[in-house]
PDB file of N, CA and C in Angstrom:
ATOM      1  N   UNK A   1    -114.654  40.238-113.198  1.00  0.00           N
ATOM      2  CA  UNK A   1    -114.227  39.316-114.220  1.00  0.00           C
ATOM      3  C   UNK A   1    -113.347  38.216-113.475  1.00  0.00           C
ATOM      4  N   UNK A   2    -113.795  36.884-113.963  1.00  0.00           N
ATOM      5  CA  UNK A   2    -113.295  35.880-113.244  1.00  0.00           C
ATOM      6  C   UNK A   2    -111.579  35.670-113.507  1.00  0.00           C
ATOM      7  N   UNK A   3    -111.138  34.824-112.709  1.00  0.00           N
ATOM      8  CA  UNK A   3    -109.590  34.598-112.853  1.00  0.00           C
ATOM      9  C   UNK A   3    -109.347  34.068-114.276  1.00  0.00           C
ATOM     10  N   UNK A   4    -110.171  33.084-114.638  1.00  0.00           N
ATOM     11  CA  UNK A   4    -110.111  32.418-115.914  1.00  0.00           C
ATOM     12  C   UNK A   4    -110.190  33.376-117.028  1.00  0.00           C
ATOM     13  N   UNK A   5    -111.125  34.267-117.109  1.00  0.00           N
ATOM     14  CA  UNK A   5    -111.267  35.381-118.108  1.00  0.00           C
ATOM     15  C   UNK A   5    -109.938  36.281-118.230  1.00  0.00           C
ATOM     16  N   UNK A   6    -109.494  36.643-117.068  1.00  0.00           N
ATOM     17  CA  UNK A   6    -108.092  37.459-117.081  1.00  0.00           C
ATOM     18  C   UNK A   6    -106.980  36.612-117.832  1.00  0.00           C
ATOM     19  N   UNK A   7    -106.880  35.420-117.478  1.00  0.00           N
ATOM     20  CA  UNK A   7    -105.918  34.556-118.148  1.00  0.00           C
ATOM     21  C   UNK A   7    -106.185  34.646-119.720  1.00  0.00           C
ATOM     22  N   UNK A   8    -107.386  34.389-120.072  1.00  0.00           N
ATOM     23  CA  UNK A   8    -107.625  34.366-121.421  1.00  0.00           C
ATOM     24  C   UNK A   8    -107.457  35.799-122.234  1.00  0.00           C
ATOM     25  N   UNK A   9    -107.718  36.856-121.576  1.00  0.00           N
ATOM     26  CA  UNK A   9    -107.462  38.168-122.148  1.00  0.00           C
ATOM     27  C   UNK A   9    -106.069  38.313-122.202  1.00  0.00           C
ATOM     28  N   UNK A  10    -105.322  37.932-121.186  1.00  0.00           N
ATOM     29  CA  UNK A  10    -103.767  38.123-120.844  1.00  0.00           C
ATOM     30  C   UNK A  10    -103.222  37.388-122.044  1.00  0.00           C
ATOM     31  N   UNK A  11    -103.544  36.256-122.344  1.00  0.00           N
ATOM     32  CA  UNK A  11    -102.816  35.330-123.315  1.00  0.00           C
ATOM     33  C   UNK A  11    -103.209  35.645-124.752  1.00  0.00           C
ATOM     34  N   UNK A  12    -104.137  36.501-125.011  1.00  0.00           N
ATOM     35  CA  UNK A  12    -104.735  36.608-126.358  1.00  0.00           C
ATOM     36  C   UNK A  12    -103.704  37.833-127.030  1.00  0.00           C
ATOM     37  N   UNK A  13    -102.721  37.489-127.501  1.00  0.00           N
ATOM     38  CA  UNK A  13    -101.789  38.368-128.080  1.00  0.00           C
ATOM     39  C   UNK A  13    -102.202  38.686-129.487  1.00  0.00           C
ATOM     40  N   UNK A  14    -101.475  39.240-130.291  1.00  0.00           N
ATOM     41  CA  UNK A  14    -101.932  39.677-131.741  1.00  0.00           C
ATOM     42  C   UNK A  14    -100.587  40.297-132.209  1.00  0.00           C
ATOM     43  N   UNK A  15    -100.896  41.457-132.788  1.00  0.00           N
ATOM     44  CA  UNK A  15     -99.705  42.180-133.220  1.00  0.00           C
ATOM     45  C   UNK A  15     -99.108  41.731-134.562  1.00  0.00           C
ATOM     46  N   UNK A  16     -97.875  42.042-134.736  1.00  0.00           N
ATOM     47  CA  UNK A  16     -97.301  41.764-136.169  1.00  0.00           C
ATOM     48  C   UNK A  16     -96.409  40.545-135.819  1.00  0.00           C
ATOM     49  N   UNK A  17     -96.651  39.813-137.118  1.00  0.00           N
ATOM     50  CA  UNK A  17     -96.040  38.352-137.008  1.00  0.00           C
ATOM     51  C   UNK A  17     -94.896  38.411-138.010  1.00  0.00           C
ATOM     52  N   UNK A  18     -94.221  37.194-138.183  1.00  0.00           N
ATOM     53  CA  UNK A  18     -92.996  37.044-138.902  1.00  0.00           C
ATOM     54  C   UNK A  18     -93.165  37.559-140.300  1.00  0.00           C
ATOM     55  N   UNK A  19     -94.143  37.335-140.906  1.00  0.00           N
ATOM     56  CA  UNK A  19     -94.493  37.601-142.488  1.00  0.00           C
ATOM     57  C   UNK A  19     -94.601  38.954-142.737  1.00  0.00           C
ATOM     58  N   UNK A  20     -95.141  39.654-141.456  1.00  0.00           N
ATOM     59  CA  UNK A  20     -95.322  41.060-141.520  1.00  0.00           C
ATOM     60  C   UNK A  20     -93.858  41.876-141.345  1.00  0.00           C
ATOM     61  N   UNK A  21     -93.110  41.355-140.613  1.00  0.00           N
ATOM     62  CA  UNK A  21     -91.778  41.866-140.398  1.00  0.00           C
ATOM     63  C   UNK A  21     -91.004  41.650-141.825  1.00  0.00           C
ATOM     64  N   UNK A  22     -91.012  40.435-142.312  1.00  0.00           N
ATOM     65  CA  UNK A  22     -90.403  40.230-143.572  1.00  0.00           C
ATOM     66  C   UNK A  22     -90.927  41.066-144.656  1.00  0.00           C
ATOM     67  N   UNK A  23     -92.226  41.372-144.768  1.00  0.00           N
ATOM     68  CA  UNK A  23     -92.613  42.331-145.682  1.00  0.00           C
ATOM     69  C   UNK A  23     -92.039  43.784-145.472  1.00  0.00           C
ATOM     70  N   UNK A  24     -91.887  44.187-144.182  1.00  0.00           N
ATOM     71  CA  UNK A  24     -91.381  45.404-143.789  1.00  0.00           C
ATOM     72  C   UNK A  24     -90.036  45.567-144.370  1.00  0.00           C
ATOM     73  N   UNK A  25     -89.232  44.562-144.078  1.00  0.00           N
ATOM     74  CA  UNK A  25     -87.921  44.514-144.368  1.00  0.00           C
ATOM     75  C   UNK A  25     -87.695  44.673-145.908  1.00  0.00           C
ATOM     76  N   UNK A  26     -88.321  43.839-146.720  1.00  0.00           N
ATOM     77  CA  UNK A  26     -88.423  43.829-148.127  1.00  0.00           C
ATOM     78  C   UNK A  26     -88.854  45.160-148.548  1.00  0.00           C
ATOM     79  N   UNK A  27     -89.868  45.932-147.879  1.00  0.00           N
ATOM     80  CA  UNK A  27     -90.363  47.065-148.356  1.00  0.00           C
ATOM     81  C   UNK A  27     -89.404  48.320-148.210  1.00  0.00           C
ATOM     82  N   UNK A  28     -88.605  48.197-147.112  1.00  0.00           N
ATOM     83  CA  UNK A  28     -87.645  49.145-146.856  1.00  0.00           C
ATOM     84  C   UNK A  28     -86.374  48.987-147.747  1.00  0.00           C
ATOM     85  N   UNK A  29     -85.912  47.794-148.062  1.00  0.00           N
ATOM     86  CA  UNK A  29     -85.042  47.550-149.038  1.00  0.00           C
ATOM     87  C   UNK A  29     -85.492  48.004-150.487  1.00  0.00           C
ATOM     88  N   UNK A  30     -86.587  47.800-150.848  1.00  0.00           N
ATOM     89  CA  UNK A  30     -86.936  48.145-152.271  1.00  0.00           C
ATOM     90  C   UNK A  30     -87.089  49.617-152.076  1.00  0.00           C
ATOM     91  N   UNK A  31     -87.612  50.271-151.180  1.00  0.00           N
ATOM     92  CA  UNK A  31     -87.806  51.843-151.254  1.00  0.00           C
ATOM     93  C   UNK A  31     -86.303  52.489-151.252  1.00  0.00           C
ATOM     94  N   UNK A  32     -85.420  51.746-150.813  1.00  0.00           N
ATOM     95  CA  UNK A  32     -84.163  52.484-150.642  1.00  0.00           C
ATOM     96  C   UNK A  32     -83.125  51.885-151.686  1.00  0.00           C
ATOM     97  N   UNK A  33     -83.796  51.255-152.624  1.00  0.00           N
ATOM     98  CA  UNK A  33     -83.056  50.616-153.853  1.00  0.00           C
ATOM     99  C   UNK A  33     -81.844  49.690-153.589  1.00  0.00           C
ATOM    100  N   UNK A  34     -82.028  49.073-152.239  1.00  0.00           N
ATOM    101  CA  UNK A  34     -80.959  48.021-152.107  1.00  0.00           C
ATOM    102  C   UNK A  34     -81.357  46.867-152.942  1.00  0.00           C
ATOM    103  N   UNK A  35     -82.547  46.518-153.090  1.00  0.00           N
ATOM    104  CA  UNK A  35     -83.009  45.408-153.894  1.00  0.00           C
ATOM    105  C   UNK A  35     -83.804  45.820-155.166  1.00  0.00           C
ATOM    106  N   UNK A  36     -83.688  45.234-156.319  1.00  0.00           N
ATOM    107  CA  UNK A  36     -84.541  45.474-157.463  1.00  0.00           C
ATOM    108  C   UNK A  36     -85.429  44.511-157.935  1.00  0.00           C
ATOM    109  N   UNK A  37     -86.165  43.967-156.779  1.00  0.00           N
ATOM    110  CA  UNK A  37     -87.099  42.935-157.101  1.00  0.00           C
ATOM    111  C   UNK A  37     -88.452  43.560-157.560  1.00  0.00           C
ATOM    112  N   UNK A  38     -89.315  42.760-158.239  1.00  0.00           N
ATOM    113  CA  UNK A  38     -90.670  42.975-158.734  1.00  0.00           C
ATOM    114  C   UNK A  38     -91.399  43.266-157.271  1.00  0.00           C
ATOM    115  N   UNK A  39     -92.469  44.129-157.551  1.00  0.00           N
ATOM    116  CA  UNK A  39     -93.290  44.276-156.211  1.00  0.00           C
ATOM    117  C   UNK A  39     -94.142  43.077-155.904  1.00  0.00           C
ATOM    118  N   UNK A  40     -94.263  42.199-156.830  1.00  0.00           N
ATOM    119  CA  UNK A  40     -94.840  40.893-156.469  1.00  0.00           C
ATOM    120  C   UNK A  40     -94.105  40.037-155.488  1.00  0.00           C
ATOM    121  N   UNK A  41     -92.822  40.206-155.518  1.00  0.00           N
ATOM    122  CA  UNK A  41     -91.727  39.591-154.561  1.00  0.00           C
ATOM    123  C   UNK A  41     -91.826  40.336-153.318  1.00  0.00           C
ATOM    124  N   UNK A  42     -91.800  41.605-153.422  1.00  0.00           N
ATOM    125  CA  UNK A  42     -91.662  42.512-152.194  1.00  0.00           C
ATOM    126  C   UNK A  42     -92.979  42.303-151.371  1.00  0.00           C
ATOM    127  N   UNK A  43     -94.197  41.944-151.836  1.00  0.00           N
ATOM    128  CA  UNK A  43     -95.413  41.771-151.224  1.00  0.00           C
ATOM    129  C   UNK A  43     -95.646  40.312-150.903  1.00  0.00           C
ATOM    130  N   UNK A  44     -94.767  39.549-151.470  1.00  0.00           N
ATOM    131  CA  UNK A  44     -95.069  37.926-151.233  1.00  0.00           C
ATOM    132  C   UNK A  44     -95.281  37.587-149.737  1.00  0.00           C
ATOM    133  N   UNK A  45     -94.537  38.105-148.867  1.00  0.00           N
ATOM    134  CA  UNK A  45     -94.923  37.676-147.403  1.00  0.00           C
ATOM    135  C   UNK A  45     -96.363  37.808-147.064  1.00  0.00           C
ATOM    136  N   UNK A  46     -96.959  38.867-147.750  1.00  0.00           N
ATOM    137  CA  UNK A  46     -98.384  39.165-147.469  1.00  0.00           C
ATOM    138  C   UNK A  46     -99.432  38.197-147.800  1.00  0.00           C
ATOM    139  N   UNK A  47     -99.089  37.777-149.112  1.00  0.00           N
ATOM    140  CA  UNK A  47    -100.163  36.900-149.793  1.00  0.00           C
ATOM    141  C   UNK A  47     -99.445  35.570-149.936  1.00  0.00           C
ATOM    142  N   UNK A  48     -98.386  35.139-149.756  1.00  0.00           N
ATOM    143  CA  UNK A  48     -97.680  33.981-149.851  1.00  0.00           C
ATOM    144  C   UNK A  48     -98.315  32.871-149.016  1.00  0.00           C
ATOM    145  N   UNK A  49     -98.442  33.161-147.757  1.00  0.00           N
ATOM    146  CA  UNK A  49     -99.071  32.163-146.790  1.00  0.00           C
ATOM    147  C   UNK A  49    -100.328  31.855-147.136  1.00  0.00           C
ATOM    148  N   UNK A  50    -101.092  32.662-147.652  1.00  0.00           N
ATOM    149  CA  UNK A  50    -102.553  32.331-148.058  1.00  0.00           C
ATOM    150  C   UNK A  50    -102.634  31.581-149.263  1.00  0.00           C
ATOM    151  N   UNK A  51    -101.712  31.753-150.254  1.00  0.00           N
ATOM    152  CA  UNK A  51    -101.548  30.753-151.197  1.00  0.00           C
ATOM    153  C   UNK A  51    -101.121  29.320-150.929  1.00  0.00           C
ATOM    154  N   UNK A  52    -100.167  29.273-150.116  1.00  0.00           N
ATOM    155  CA  UNK A  52     -99.696  28.044-149.598  1.00  0.00           C
ATOM    156  C   UNK A  52    -100.781  27.298-148.806  1.00  0.00           C
ATOM    157  N   UNK A  53    -101.484  27.972-147.872  1.00  0.00           N
ATOM    158  CA  UNK A  53    -102.575  27.361-147.394  1.00  0.00           C
ATOM    159  C   UNK A  53    -103.590  26.785-148.069  1.00  0.00           C
ATOM    160  N   UNK A  54    -104.101  27.532-149.163  1.00  0.00           N
ATOM    161  CA  UNK A  54    -104.911  27.084-150.284  1.00  0.00           C
ATOM    162  C   UNK A  54    -104.479  25.976-151.000  1.00  0.00           C
ATOM    163  N   UNK A  55    -103.233  25.861-151.321  1.00  0.00           N
ATOM    164  CA  UNK A  55    -102.667  24.709-151.904  1.00  0.00           C
ATOM    165  C   UNK A  55    -102.720  23.445-150.978  1.00  0.00           C
ATOM    166  N   UNK A  56    -102.382  23.631-149.818  1.00  0.00           N
ATOM    167  CA  UNK A  56    -102.357  22.598-148.935  1.00  0.00           C
ATOM    168  C   UNK A  56    -103.953  21.987-148.803  1.00  0.00           C
ATOM    169  N   UNK A  57    -104.766  22.896-148.680  1.00  0.00           N
ATOM    170  CA  UNK A  57    -106.241  22.386-148.534  1.00  0.00           C
ATOM    171  C   UNK A  57    -106.668  21.835-149.695  1.00  0.00           C
ATOM    172  N   UNK A  58    -106.272  22.260-150.810  1.00  0.00           N
ATOM    173  CA  UNK A  58    -106.694  21.688-152.106  1.00  0.00           C
ATOM    174  C   UNK A  58    -106.097  20.258-152.449  1.00  0.00           C
ATOM    175  N   UNK A  59    -104.862  20.025-151.951  1.00  0.00           N
ATOM    176  CA  UNK A  59    -104.282  18.852-151.857  1.00  0.00           C
ATOM    177  C   UNK A  59    -104.989  17.862-150.914  1.00  0.00           C
ATOM    178  N   UNK A  60    -105.225  18.243-149.823  1.00  0.00           N
ATOM    179  CA  UNK A  60    -106.067  17.357-148.647  1.00  0.00           C
ATOM    180  C   UNK A  60    -107.429  17.073-149.420  1.00  0.00           C
ATOM    181  N   UNK A  61    -108.095  17.946-150.049  1.00  0.00           N
ATOM    182  CA  UNK A  61    -109.290  17.603-150.670  1.00  0.00           C
ATOM    183  C   UNK A  61    -109.155  16.529-151.589  1.00  0.00           C
ATOM    184  N   UNK A  62    -108.125  16.528-152.591  1.00  0.00           N
ATOM    185  CA  UNK A  62    -108.036  15.786-153.713  1.00  0.00           C
ATOM    186  C   UNK A  62    -107.764  14.476-153.214  1.00  0.00           C
ATOM    187  N   UNK A  63    -106.764  14.441-152.127  1.00  0.00           N
ATOM    188  CA  UNK A  63    -106.239  13.116-151.730  1.00  0.00           C
ATOM    189  C   UNK A  63    -107.439  12.447-150.876  1.00  0.00           C
ATOM    190  N   UNK A  64    -108.329  13.157-150.038  1.00  0.00           N
ATOM    191  CA  UNK A  64    -109.432  12.581-149.480  1.00  0.00           C
ATOM    192  C   UNK A  64    -110.495  11.958-150.358  1.00  0.00           C
ATOM    193  N   UNK A  65    -110.650  12.780-151.614  1.00  0.00           N
ATOM    194  CA  UNK A  65    -111.467  11.941-152.628  1.00  0.00           C
ATOM    195  C   UNK A  65    -111.013  10.727-153.136  1.00  0.00           C
ATOM    196  N   UNK A  66    -109.807  10.351-153.053  1.00  0.00           N
ATOM    197  CA  UNK A  66    -109.264   9.214-153.684  1.00  0.00           C
ATOM    198  C   UNK A  66    -108.999   8.028-152.547  1.00  0.00           C
ATOM    199  N   UNK A  67    -109.005   8.524-151.461  1.00  0.00           N
ATOM    200  CA  UNK A  67    -108.738   7.609-150.407  1.00  0.00           C
ATOM    201  C   UNK A  67    -110.029   6.831-149.893  1.00  0.00           C
ATOM    202  N   UNK A  68    -111.138   7.355-150.164  1.00  0.00           N
ATOM    203  CA  UNK A  68    -112.379   6.558-149.814  1.00  0.00           C
ATOM    204  C   UNK A  68    -112.326   5.141-150.369  1.00  0.00           C
TER     205      UNK A  68
END
């Protein structure tokens, strides 16, 4: 394995991100009855970023249609 390949492998992290941590915090708070939120709000950190990305893509597509 070359030095460049080792650097790429070393830098390719993954793991748990901010929204996953946020979901885990909300989940623990919900299961321990600290918060009385709907499950939709508890799971929002899982599906929220996807919805926001889709809305941004939709806005970009609509704006690009009118800019021509």
